[in-house]
Amino acid sequence: MAVKVLIVGESGAGKSASLRNFDEKEIAIFNVSEKPLPFRKKLPMMKTSDMKKIALAIKQNDRNCYVVDDAGLAMSFYLFGKVNEKGYDKFTQVAKDFYEML
């Protein structure tokens, strides 16, 4: 059973910096914006904003903790890719893919 935790804060508050406290064997980070992490420690990271790829990687379940840095940005990128689509189906699909990722 997984415990889902959402960490919210202003830019520069230390959300990403707090990741340096993890051991590299227990965490996997999905870096949506491909920003450099604010510390020297090398943690396993996948640079992608594709929610389906993130969900697939999480299903492999080889780590104790998964971090999507920044999940809100992943949803934004998804919607930017569907800007020319008409109707509300794209919003339903982003919600479904986000839920499946969680």
PDB file of N, CA and C in Angstrom:
ATOM      1  N   MET A   1       0.842  -1.174   0.000  1.00  0.00           N
ATOM      2  CA  MET A   1       0.000   0.000   0.000  1.00  0.00           C
ATOM      3  C   MET A   1       0.885   1.233   0.000  1.00  0.00           C
ATOM      4  N   ALA A   2       0.519   2.199  -0.791  1.00  0.00           N
ATOM      5  CA  ALA A   2       1.299   3.419  -0.921  1.00  0.00           C
ATOM      6  C   ALA A   2       0.647   4.559  -0.152  1.00  0.00           C
ATOM      7  N   VAL A   3       1.477   5.455   0.311  1.00  0.00           N
ATOM      8  CA  VAL A   3       1.015   6.685   0.932  1.00  0.00           C
ATOM      9  C   VAL A   3       1.383   7.808  -0.022  1.00  0.00           C
ATOM     10  N   LYS A   4       0.384   8.550  -0.469  1.00  0.00           N
ATOM     11  CA  LYS A   4       0.635   9.648  -1.395  1.00  0.00           C
ATOM     12  C   LYS A   4       0.746  10.939  -0.609  1.00  0.00           C
ATOM     13  N   VAL A   5       1.788  11.699  -0.892  1.00  0.00           N
ATOM     14  CA  VAL A   5       2.032  12.950  -0.188  1.00  0.00           C
ATOM     15  C   VAL A   5       2.196  14.059  -1.222  1.00  0.00           C
ATOM     16  N   LEU A   6       1.525  15.163  -1.007  1.00  0.00           N
ATOM     17  CA  LEU A   6       1.634  16.325  -1.874  1.00  0.00           C
ATOM     18  C   LEU A   6       2.330  17.420  -1.085  1.00  0.00           C
ATOM     19  N   ILE A   7       3.423  17.925  -1.635  1.00  0.00           N
ATOM     20  CA  ILE A   7       4.150  19.015  -0.985  1.00  0.00           C
ATOM     21  C   ILE A   7       3.977  20.255  -1.840  1.00  0.00           C
ATOM     22  N   VAL A   8       3.411  21.284  -1.245  1.00  0.00           N
ATOM     23  CA  VAL A   8       3.119  22.524  -1.940  1.00  0.00           C
ATOM     24  C   VAL A   8       3.869  23.658  -1.254  1.00  0.00           C
ATOM     25  N   GLY A   9       4.421  24.551  -2.046  1.00  0.00           N
ATOM     26  CA  GLY A   9       5.107  25.705  -1.476  1.00  0.00           C
ATOM     27  C   GLY A   9       5.536  26.662  -2.559  1.00  0.00           C
ATOM     28  N   GLU A  10       5.904  27.839  -2.134  1.00  0.00           N
ATOM     29  CA  GLU A  10       6.351  28.858  -3.073  1.00  0.00           C
ATOM     30  C   GLU A  10       7.683  28.465  -3.701  1.00  0.00           C
ATOM     31  N   SER A  11       7.964  29.044  -4.841  1.00  0.00           N
ATOM     32  CA  SER A  11       9.241  28.826  -5.507  1.00  0.00           C
ATOM     33  C   SER A  11      10.376  29.237  -4.571  1.00  0.00           C
ATOM     34  N   GLY A  12      11.365  28.375  -4.447  1.00  0.00           N
ATOM     35  CA  GLY A  12      12.510  28.682  -3.591  1.00  0.00           C
ATOM     36  C   GLY A  12      12.317  28.318  -2.131  1.00  0.00           C
ATOM     37  N   ALA A  13      11.190  27.670  -1.804  1.00  0.00           N
ATOM     38  CA  ALA A  13      10.906  27.327  -0.406  1.00  0.00           C
ATOM     39  C   ALA A  13      11.689  26.117   0.087  1.00  0.00           C
ATOM     40  N   GLY A  14      12.275  25.342  -0.836  1.00  0.00           N
ATOM     41  CA  GLY A  14      13.087  24.198  -0.431  1.00  0.00           C
ATOM     42  C   GLY A  14      12.461  22.845  -0.689  1.00  0.00           C
ATOM     43  N   LYS A  15      11.405  22.803  -1.508  1.00  0.00           N
ATOM     44  CA  LYS A  15      10.750  21.528  -1.796  1.00  0.00           C
ATOM     45  C   LYS A  15      11.714  20.554  -2.465  1.00  0.00           C
ATOM     46  N   SER A  16      12.351  20.976  -3.542  1.00  0.00           N
ATOM     47  CA  SER A  16      13.314  20.114  -4.245  1.00  0.00           C
ATOM     48  C   SER A  16      14.577  19.909  -3.418  1.00  0.00           C
ATOM     49  N   ALA A  17      15.016  20.926  -2.727  1.00  0.00           N
ATOM     50  CA  ALA A  17      16.241  20.815  -1.914  1.00  0.00           C
ATOM     51  C   ALA A  17      16.098  19.758  -0.828  1.00  0.00           C
ATOM     52  N   SER A  18      14.873  19.533  -0.339  1.00  0.00           N
ATOM     53  CA  SER A  18      14.672  18.542   0.714  1.00  0.00           C
ATOM     54  C   SER A  18      14.939  17.118   0.229  1.00  0.00           C
ATOM     55  N   LEU A  19      14.979  16.906  -1.072  1.00  0.00           N
ATOM     56  CA  LEU A  19      15.230  15.577  -1.625  1.00  0.00           C
ATOM     57  C   LEU A  19      16.636  15.076  -1.316  1.00  0.00           C
ATOM     58  N   ARG A  20      17.557  15.963  -1.015  1.00  0.00           N
ATOM     59  CA  ARG A  20      18.944  15.560  -0.735  1.00  0.00           C
ATOM     60  C   ARG A  20      19.050  14.668   0.500  1.00  0.00           C
ATOM     61  N   ASN A  21      18.001  14.614   1.309  1.00  0.00           N
ATOM     62  CA  ASN A  21      18.006  13.787   2.514  1.00  0.00           C
ATOM     63  C   ASN A  21      17.723  12.309   2.232  1.00  0.00           C
ATOM     64  N   PHE A  22      17.361  11.979   0.996  1.00  0.00           N
ATOM     65  CA  PHE A  22      17.076  10.596   0.629  1.00  0.00           C
ATOM     66  C   PHE A  22      18.350   9.872   0.219  1.00  0.00           C
ATOM     67  N   ASP A  23      18.338   8.565   0.412  1.00  0.00           N
ATOM     68  CA  ASP A  23      19.396   7.699  -0.079  1.00  0.00           C
ATOM     69  C   ASP A  23      19.086   7.381  -1.543  1.00  0.00           C
ATOM     70  N   GLU A  24      20.117   7.302  -2.373  1.00  0.00           N
ATOM     71  CA  GLU A  24      19.889   7.067  -3.807  1.00  0.00           C
ATOM     72  C   GLU A  24      19.261   5.710  -4.114  1.00  0.00           C
ATOM     73  N   LYS A  25      19.269   4.788  -3.160  1.00  0.00           N
ATOM     74  CA  LYS A  25      18.674   3.468  -3.379  1.00  0.00           C
ATOM     75  C   LYS A  25      17.183   3.431  -3.046  1.00  0.00           C
ATOM     76  N   GLU A  26      16.664   4.467  -2.400  1.00  0.00           N
ATOM     77  CA  GLU A  26      15.264   4.433  -1.994  1.00  0.00           C
ATOM     78  C   GLU A  26      14.358   5.382  -2.759  1.00  0.00           C
ATOM     79  N   ILE A  27      14.912   6.225  -3.634  1.00  0.00           N
ATOM     80  CA  ILE A  27      14.099   7.241  -4.301  1.00  0.00           C
ATOM     81  C   ILE A  27      14.326   7.235  -5.805  1.00  0.00           C
ATOM     82  N   ALA A  28      13.303   7.601  -6.541  1.00  0.00           N
ATOM     83  CA  ALA A  28      13.397   7.860  -7.973  1.00  0.00           C
ATOM     84  C   ALA A  28      12.690   9.184  -8.232  1.00  0.00           C
ATOM     85  N   ILE A  29      13.330  10.043  -8.976  1.00  0.00           N
ATOM     86  CA  ILE A  29      12.789  11.381  -9.229  1.00  0.00           C
ATOM     87  C   ILE A  29      12.440  11.510 -10.708  1.00  0.00           C
ATOM     88  N   PHE A  30      11.249  12.029 -10.974  1.00  0.00           N
ATOM     89  CA  PHE A  30      10.834  12.356 -12.325  1.00  0.00           C
ATOM     90  C   PHE A  30      10.901  13.875 -12.441  1.00  0.00           C
ATOM     91  N   ASN A  31      11.882  14.359 -13.167  1.00  0.00           N
ATOM     92  CA  ASN A  31      12.152  15.789 -13.284  1.00  0.00           C
ATOM     93  C   ASN A  31      11.415  16.319 -14.510  1.00  0.00           C
ATOM     94  N   VAL A  32      10.215  16.850 -14.297  1.00  0.00           N
ATOM     95  CA  VAL A  32       9.327  17.285 -15.369  1.00  0.00           C
ATOM     96  C   VAL A  32       9.895  18.485 -16.125  1.00  0.00           C
ATOM     97  N   SER A  33      10.423  19.461 -15.421  1.00  0.00           N
ATOM     98  CA  SER A  33      10.914  20.676 -16.063  1.00  0.00           C
ATOM     99  C   SER A  33      12.379  20.585 -16.457  1.00  0.00           C
ATOM    100  N   GLU A  34      13.006  19.445 -16.166  1.00  0.00           N
ATOM    101  CA  GLU A  34      14.418  19.202 -16.468  1.00  0.00           C
ATOM    102  C   GLU A  34      15.335  20.254 -15.842  1.00  0.00           C
ATOM    103  N   LYS A  35      14.941  20.753 -14.684  1.00  0.00           N
ATOM    104  CA  LYS A  35      15.753  21.732 -13.976  1.00  0.00           C
ATOM    105  C   LYS A  35      16.851  21.015 -13.185  1.00  0.00           C
ATOM    106  N   PRO A  36      17.978  21.674 -12.981  1.00  0.00           N
ATOM    107  CA  PRO A  36      19.014  21.058 -12.141  1.00  0.00           C
ATOM    108  C   PRO A  36      18.568  21.064 -10.683  1.00  0.00           C
ATOM    109  N   LEU A  37      18.857  19.979  -9.981  1.00  0.00           N
ATOM    110  CA  LEU A  37      18.512  19.941  -8.564  1.00  0.00           C
ATOM    111  C   LEU A  37      19.476  20.821  -7.779  1.00  0.00           C
ATOM    112  N   PRO A  38      18.992  21.439  -6.701  1.00  0.00           N
ATOM    113  CA  PRO A  38      19.799  22.433  -5.974  1.00  0.00           C
ATOM    114  C   PRO A  38      20.754  21.821  -4.941  1.00  0.00           C
ATOM    115  N   PHE A  39      21.423  20.729  -5.290  1.00  0.00           N
ATOM    116  CA  PHE A  39      22.417  20.126  -4.406  1.00  0.00           C
ATOM    117  C   PHE A  39      23.339  19.250  -5.246  1.00  0.00           C
ATOM    118  N   ARG A  40      24.468  18.851  -4.681  1.00  0.00           N
ATOM    119  CA  ARG A  40      25.472  18.091  -5.429  1.00  0.00           C
ATOM    120  C   ARG A  40      25.212  16.603  -5.489  1.00  0.00           C
ATOM    121  N   LYS A  41      24.495  16.088  -4.528  1.00  0.00           N
ATOM    122  CA  LYS A  41      24.233  14.649  -4.460  1.00  0.00           C
ATOM    123  C   LYS A  41      23.549  14.176  -5.738  1.00  0.00           C
ATOM    124  N   LYS A  42      23.981  13.052  -6.272  1.00  0.00           N
ATOM    125  CA  LYS A  42      23.397  12.493  -7.488  1.00  0.00           C
ATOM    126  C   LYS A  42      22.332  11.458  -7.116  1.00  0.00           C
ATOM    127  N   LEU A  43      21.096  11.771  -7.427  1.00  0.00           N
ATOM    128  CA  LEU A  43      19.980  10.861  -7.177  1.00  0.00           C
ATOM    129  C   LEU A  43      19.443  10.374  -8.515  1.00  0.00           C
ATOM    130  N   PRO A  44      18.893   9.149  -8.561  1.00  0.00           N
ATOM    131  CA  PRO A  44      18.361   8.636  -9.824  1.00  0.00           C
ATOM    132  C   PRO A  44      17.210   9.508 -10.322  1.00  0.00           C
ATOM    133  N   MET A  45      17.308   9.899 -11.593  1.00  0.00           N
ATOM    134  CA  MET A  45      16.339  10.846 -12.126  1.00  0.00           C
ATOM    135  C   MET A  45      15.997  10.503 -13.567  1.00  0.00           C
ATOM    136  N   MET A  46      14.727  10.659 -13.893  1.00  0.00           N
ATOM    137  CA  MET A  46      14.250  10.508 -15.261  1.00  0.00           C
ATOM    138  C   MET A  46      13.685  11.855 -15.672  1.00  0.00           C
ATOM    139  N   LYS A  47      14.185  12.401 -16.762  1.00  0.00           N
ATOM    140  CA  LYS A  47      13.708  13.696 -17.237  1.00  0.00           C
ATOM    141  C   LYS A  47      12.594  13.470 -18.244  1.00  0.00           C
ATOM    142  N   THR A  48      11.355  13.627 -17.785  1.00  0.00           N
ATOM    143  CA  THR A  48      10.189  13.474 -18.649  1.00  0.00           C
ATOM    144  C   THR A  48       8.985  14.174 -18.032  1.00  0.00           C
ATOM    145  N   SER A  49       8.100  14.638 -18.900  1.00  0.00           N
ATOM    146  CA  SER A  49       6.828  15.186 -18.427  1.00  0.00           C
ATOM    147  C   SER A  49       5.673  14.307 -18.881  1.00  0.00           C
ATOM    148  N   ASP A  50       5.985  13.174 -19.504  1.00  0.00           N
ATOM    149  CA  ASP A  50       4.972  12.248 -20.017  1.00  0.00           C
ATOM    150  C   ASP A  50       4.396  11.438 -18.855  1.00  0.00           C
ATOM    151  N   MET A  51       3.141  11.726 -18.500  1.00  0.00           N
ATOM    152  CA  MET A  51       2.521  11.083 -17.341  1.00  0.00           C
ATOM    153  C   MET A  51       2.382   9.572 -17.523  1.00  0.00           C
ATOM    154  N   LYS A  52       2.199   9.112 -18.758  1.00  0.00           N
ATOM    155  CA  LYS A  52       2.094   7.670 -18.999  1.00  0.00           C
ATOM    156  C   LYS A  52       3.442   6.984 -18.777  1.00  0.00           C
ATOM    157  N   LYS A  53       4.533   7.623 -19.185  1.00  0.00           N
ATOM    158  CA  LYS A  53       5.871   7.060 -18.947  1.00  0.00           C
ATOM    159  C   LYS A  53       6.178   7.018 -17.454  1.00  0.00           C
ATOM    160  N   ILE A  54       5.768   8.067 -16.750  1.00  0.00           N
ATOM    161  CA  ILE A  54       5.985   8.114 -15.296  1.00  0.00           C
ATOM    162  C   ILE A  54       5.208   6.992 -14.621  1.00  0.00           C
ATOM    163  N   ALA A  55       3.938   6.823 -15.004  1.00  0.00           N
ATOM    164  CA  ALA A  55       3.108   5.765 -14.415  1.00  0.00           C
ATOM    165  C   ALA A  55       3.709   4.389 -14.674  1.00  0.00           C
ATOM    166  N   LEU A  56       4.214   4.161 -15.875  1.00  0.00           N
ATOM    167  CA  LEU A  56       4.817   2.879 -16.221  1.00  0.00           C
ATOM    168  C   LEU A  56       6.070   2.621 -15.388  1.00  0.00           C
ATOM    169  N   ALA A  57       6.896   3.640 -15.214  1.00  0.00           N
ATOM    170  CA  ALA A  57       8.113   3.494 -14.405  1.00  0.00           C
ATOM    171  C   ALA A  57       7.774   3.213 -12.937  1.00  0.00           C
ATOM    172  N   ILE A  58       6.745   3.850 -12.420  1.00  0.00           N
ATOM    173  CA  ILE A  58       6.340   3.627 -11.031  1.00  0.00           C
ATOM    174  C   ILE A  58       5.827   2.206 -10.840  1.00  0.00           C
ATOM    175  N   LYS A  59       5.144   1.669 -11.848  1.00  0.00           N
ATOM    176  CA  LYS A  59       4.615   0.301 -11.752  1.00  0.00           C
ATOM    177  C   LYS A  59       5.727  -0.736 -11.631  1.00  0.00           C
ATOM    178  N   GLN A  60       6.945  -0.400 -12.046  1.00  0.00           N
ATOM    179  CA  GLN A  60       8.071  -1.321 -11.892  1.00  0.00           C
ATOM    180  C   GLN A  60       8.397  -1.529 -10.419  1.00  0.00           C
ATOM    181  N   ASN A  61       8.058  -0.529  -9.597  1.00  0.00           N
ATOM    182  CA  ASN A  61       8.114  -0.625  -8.141  1.00  0.00           C
ATOM    183  C   ASN A  61       9.446  -1.142  -7.591  1.00  0.00           C
ATOM    184  N   ASP A  62      10.522  -0.496  -7.977  1.00  0.00           N
ATOM    185  CA  ASP A  62      11.826  -0.913  -7.456  1.00  0.00           C
ATOM    186  C   ASP A  62      12.404   0.078  -6.447  1.00  0.00           C
ATOM    187  N   ARG A  63      11.622   1.072  -6.059  1.00  0.00           N
ATOM    188  CA  ARG A  63      12.057   2.077  -5.077  1.00  0.00           C
ATOM    189  C   ARG A  63      10.994   2.231  -3.994  1.00  0.00           C
ATOM    190  N   ASN A  64      11.403   2.794  -2.867  1.00  0.00           N
ATOM    191  CA  ASN A  64      10.454   3.056  -1.780  1.00  0.00           C
ATOM    192  C   ASN A  64       9.698   4.366  -1.964  1.00  0.00           C
ATOM    193  N   CYS A  65      10.293   5.289  -2.723  1.00  0.00           N
ATOM    194  CA  CYS A  65       9.722   6.633  -2.839  1.00  0.00           C
ATOM    195  C   CYS A  65       9.883   7.138  -4.269  1.00  0.00           C
ATOM    196  N   TYR A  66       8.811   7.715  -4.788  1.00  0.00           N
ATOM    197  CA  TYR A  66       8.828   8.320  -6.118  1.00  0.00           C
ATOM    198  C   TYR A  66       8.429   9.785  -5.983  1.00  0.00           C
ATOM    199  N   VAL A  67       9.153  10.645  -6.673  1.00  0.00           N
ATOM    200  CA  VAL A  67       8.874  12.078  -6.623  1.00  0.00           C
ATOM    201  C   VAL A  67       8.632  12.578  -8.042  1.00  0.00           C
ATOM    202  N   VAL A  68       7.494  13.229  -8.252  1.00  0.00           N
ATOM    203  CA  VAL A  68       7.220  13.891  -9.524  1.00  0.00           C
ATOM    204  C   VAL A  68       7.410  15.377  -9.265  1.00  0.00           C
ATOM    205  N   ASP A  69       8.486  15.902  -9.780  1.00  0.00           N
ATOM    206  CA  ASP A  69       8.854  17.310  -9.555  1.00  0.00           C
ATOM    207  C   ASP A  69       8.765  18.035 -10.899  1.00  0.00           C
ATOM    208  N   ASP A  70       7.717  18.484 -11.262  1.00  0.00           N
ATOM    209  CA  ASP A  70       6.555  19.148 -10.732  1.00  0.00           C
ATOM    210  C   ASP A  70       5.313  18.580 -11.408  1.00  0.00           C
ATOM    211  N   ALA A  71       4.427  17.941 -10.665  1.00  0.00           N
ATOM    212  CA  ALA A  71       3.247  17.278 -11.224  1.00  0.00           C
ATOM    213  C   ALA A  71       2.302  18.266 -11.916  1.00  0.00           C
ATOM    214  N   GLY A  72       2.139  19.447 -11.352  1.00  0.00           N
ATOM    215  CA  GLY A  72       1.279  20.456 -11.971  1.00  0.00           C
ATOM    216  C   GLY A  72       1.795  20.874 -13.332  1.00  0.00           C
ATOM    217  N   LEU A  73       3.105  20.955 -13.465  1.00  0.00           N
ATOM    218  CA  LEU A  73       3.718  21.299 -14.738  1.00  0.00           C
ATOM    219  C   LEU A  73       3.527  20.176 -15.754  1.00  0.00           C
ATOM    220  N   ALA A  74       3.542  18.930 -15.308  1.00  0.00           N
ATOM    221  CA  ALA A  74       3.297  17.795 -16.201  1.00  0.00           C
ATOM    222  C   ALA A  74       1.905  17.912 -16.832  1.00  0.00           C
ATOM    223  N   MET A  75       0.908  18.281 -16.017  1.00  0.00           N
ATOM    224  CA  MET A  75      -0.442  18.458 -16.548  1.00  0.00           C
ATOM    225  C   MET A  75      -0.489  19.624 -17.536  1.00  0.00           C
ATOM    226  N   SER A  76       0.221  20.696 -17.225  1.00  0.00           N
ATOM    227  CA  SER A  76       0.250  21.848 -18.136  1.00  0.00           C
ATOM    228  C   SER A  76       0.865  21.481 -19.477  1.00  0.00           C
ATOM    229  N   PHE A  77       2.006  20.787 -19.453  1.00  0.00           N
ATOM    230  CA  PHE A  77       2.653  20.370 -20.696  1.00  0.00           C
ATOM    231  C   PHE A  77       1.719  19.480 -21.519  1.00  0.00           C
ATOM    232  N   TYR A  78       1.002  18.594 -20.854  1.00  0.00           N
ATOM    233  CA  TYR A  78       0.053  17.708 -21.521  1.00  0.00           C
ATOM    234  C   TYR A  78      -1.002  18.534 -22.259  1.00  0.00           C
ATOM    235  N   LEU A  79      -1.557  19.512 -21.568  1.00  0.00           N
ATOM    236  CA  LEU A  79      -2.595  20.342 -22.180  1.00  0.00           C
ATOM    237  C   LEU A  79      -2.037  21.230 -23.285  1.00  0.00           C
ATOM    238  N   PHE A  80      -0.817  21.711 -23.146  1.00  0.00           N
ATOM    239  CA  PHE A  80      -0.199  22.519 -24.206  1.00  0.00           C
ATOM    240  C   PHE A  80      -0.102  21.701 -25.491  1.00  0.00           C
ATOM    241  N   GLY A  81       0.158  20.405 -25.351  1.00  0.00           N
ATOM    242  CA  GLY A  81       0.257  19.533 -26.517  1.00  0.00           C
ATOM    243  C   GLY A  81      -1.076  19.283 -27.195  1.00  0.00           C
ATOM    244  N   LYS A  82      -2.163  19.614 -26.531  1.00  0.00           N
ATOM    245  CA  LYS A  82      -3.508  19.391 -27.080  1.00  0.00           C
ATOM    246  C   LYS A  82      -4.227  20.708 -27.372  1.00  0.00           C
ATOM    247  N   VAL A  83      -3.483  21.774 -27.532  1.00  0.00           N
ATOM    248  CA  VAL A  83      -4.068  23.103 -27.673  1.00  0.00           C
ATOM    249  C   VAL A  83      -4.986  23.230 -28.894  1.00  0.00           C
ATOM    250  N   ASN A  84      -4.737  22.482 -29.946  1.00  0.00           N
ATOM    251  CA  ASN A  84      -5.562  22.589 -31.151  1.00  0.00           C
ATOM    252  C   ASN A  84      -6.778  21.666 -31.145  1.00  0.00           C
ATOM    253  N   GLU A  85      -6.915  20.832 -30.114  1.00  0.00           N
ATOM    254  CA  GLU A  85      -8.070  19.947 -30.027  1.00  0.00           C
ATOM    255  C   GLU A  85      -9.293  20.717 -29.533  1.00  0.00           C
ATOM    256  N   LYS A  86     -10.427  20.407 -30.113  1.00  0.00           N
ATOM    257  CA  LYS A  86     -11.685  21.034 -29.712  1.00  0.00           C
ATOM    258  C   LYS A  86     -12.365  20.181 -28.645  1.00  0.00           C
ATOM    259  N   GLY A  87     -13.219  20.797 -27.858  1.00  0.00           N
ATOM    260  CA  GLY A  87     -14.032  20.068 -26.898  1.00  0.00           C
ATOM    261  C   GLY A  87     -13.355  19.872 -25.548  1.00  0.00           C
ATOM    262  N   TYR A  88     -14.075  19.178 -24.683  1.00  0.00           N
ATOM    263  CA  TYR A  88     -13.627  18.995 -23.303  1.00  0.00           C
ATOM    264  C   TYR A  88     -12.976  17.642 -23.048  1.00  0.00           C
ATOM    265  N   ASP A  89     -12.944  16.787 -24.062  1.00  0.00           N
ATOM    266  CA  ASP A  89     -12.361  15.458 -23.876  1.00  0.00           C
ATOM    267  C   ASP A  89     -10.901  15.517 -23.426  1.00  0.00           C
ATOM    268  N   LYS A  90     -10.172  16.521 -23.876  1.00  0.00           N
ATOM    269  CA  LYS A  90      -8.759  16.621 -23.485  1.00  0.00           C
ATOM    270  C   LYS A  90      -8.618  16.837 -21.979  1.00  0.00           C
ATOM    271  N   PHE A  91      -9.552  17.541 -21.361  1.00  0.00           N
ATOM    272  CA  PHE A  91      -9.494  17.767 -19.924  1.00  0.00           C
ATOM    273  C   PHE A  91      -9.799  16.484 -19.154  1.00  0.00           C
ATOM    274  N   THR A  92     -10.751  15.713 -19.678  1.00  0.00           N
ATOM    275  CA  THR A  92     -11.068  14.422 -19.075  1.00  0.00           C
ATOM    276  C   THR A  92      -9.869  13.486 -19.173  1.00  0.00           C
ATOM    277  N   GLN A  93      -9.202  13.496 -20.325  1.00  0.00           N
ATOM    278  CA  GLN A  93      -8.054  12.617 -20.532  1.00  0.00           C
ATOM    279  C   GLN A  93      -6.890  12.996 -19.625  1.00  0.00           C
ATOM    280  N   VAL A  94      -6.609  14.291 -19.451  1.00  0.00           N
ATOM    281  CA  VAL A  94      -5.503  14.683 -18.568  1.00  0.00           C
ATOM    282  C   VAL A  94      -5.816  14.284 -17.135  1.00  0.00           C
ATOM    283  N   ALA A  95      -7.073  14.406 -16.723  1.00  0.00           N
ATOM    284  CA  ALA A  95      -7.452  13.998 -15.361  1.00  0.00           C
ATOM    285  C   ALA A  95      -7.276  12.496 -15.203  1.00  0.00           C
ATOM    286  N   LYS A  96      -7.693  11.720 -16.193  1.00  0.00           N
ATOM    287  CA  LYS A  96      -7.569  10.261 -16.143  1.00  0.00           C
ATOM    288  C   LYS A  96      -6.095   9.842 -16.085  1.00  0.00           C
ATOM    289  N   ASP A  97      -5.265  10.428 -16.950  1.00  0.00           N
ATOM    290  CA  ASP A  97      -3.839  10.081 -16.973  1.00  0.00           C
ATOM    291  C   ASP A  97      -3.148  10.490 -15.683  1.00  0.00           C
ATOM    292  N   PHE A  98      -3.522  11.643 -15.124  1.00  0.00           N
ATOM    293  CA  PHE A  98      -2.930  12.089 -13.862  1.00  0.00           C
ATOM    294  C   PHE A  98      -3.319  11.137 -12.736  1.00  0.00           C
ATOM    295  N   TYR A  99      -4.586  10.743 -12.703  1.00  0.00           N
ATOM    296  CA  TYR A  99      -5.056   9.810 -11.667  1.00  0.00           C
ATOM    297  C   TYR A  99      -4.328   8.474 -11.785  1.00  0.00           C
ATOM    298  N   GLU A 100      -4.162   7.975 -12.993  1.00  0.00           N
ATOM    299  CA  GLU A 100      -3.460   6.715 -13.205  1.00  0.00           C
ATOM    300  C   GLU A 100      -1.992   6.816 -12.790  1.00  0.00           C
ATOM    301  N   MET A 101      -1.398   7.983 -12.998  1.00  0.00           N
ATOM    302  CA  MET A 101      -0.016   8.190 -12.581  1.00  0.00           C
ATOM    303  C   MET A 101       0.082   8.088 -11.052  1.00  0.00           C
ATOM    304  N   LEU A 102      -0.907   8.660 -10.353  1.00  0.00           N
ATOM    305  CA  LEU A 102      -0.901   8.590  -8.894  1.00  0.00           C
ATOM    306  C   LEU A 102      -1.158   7.189  -8.409  1.00  0.00           C
TER     307      LEU A 102
END
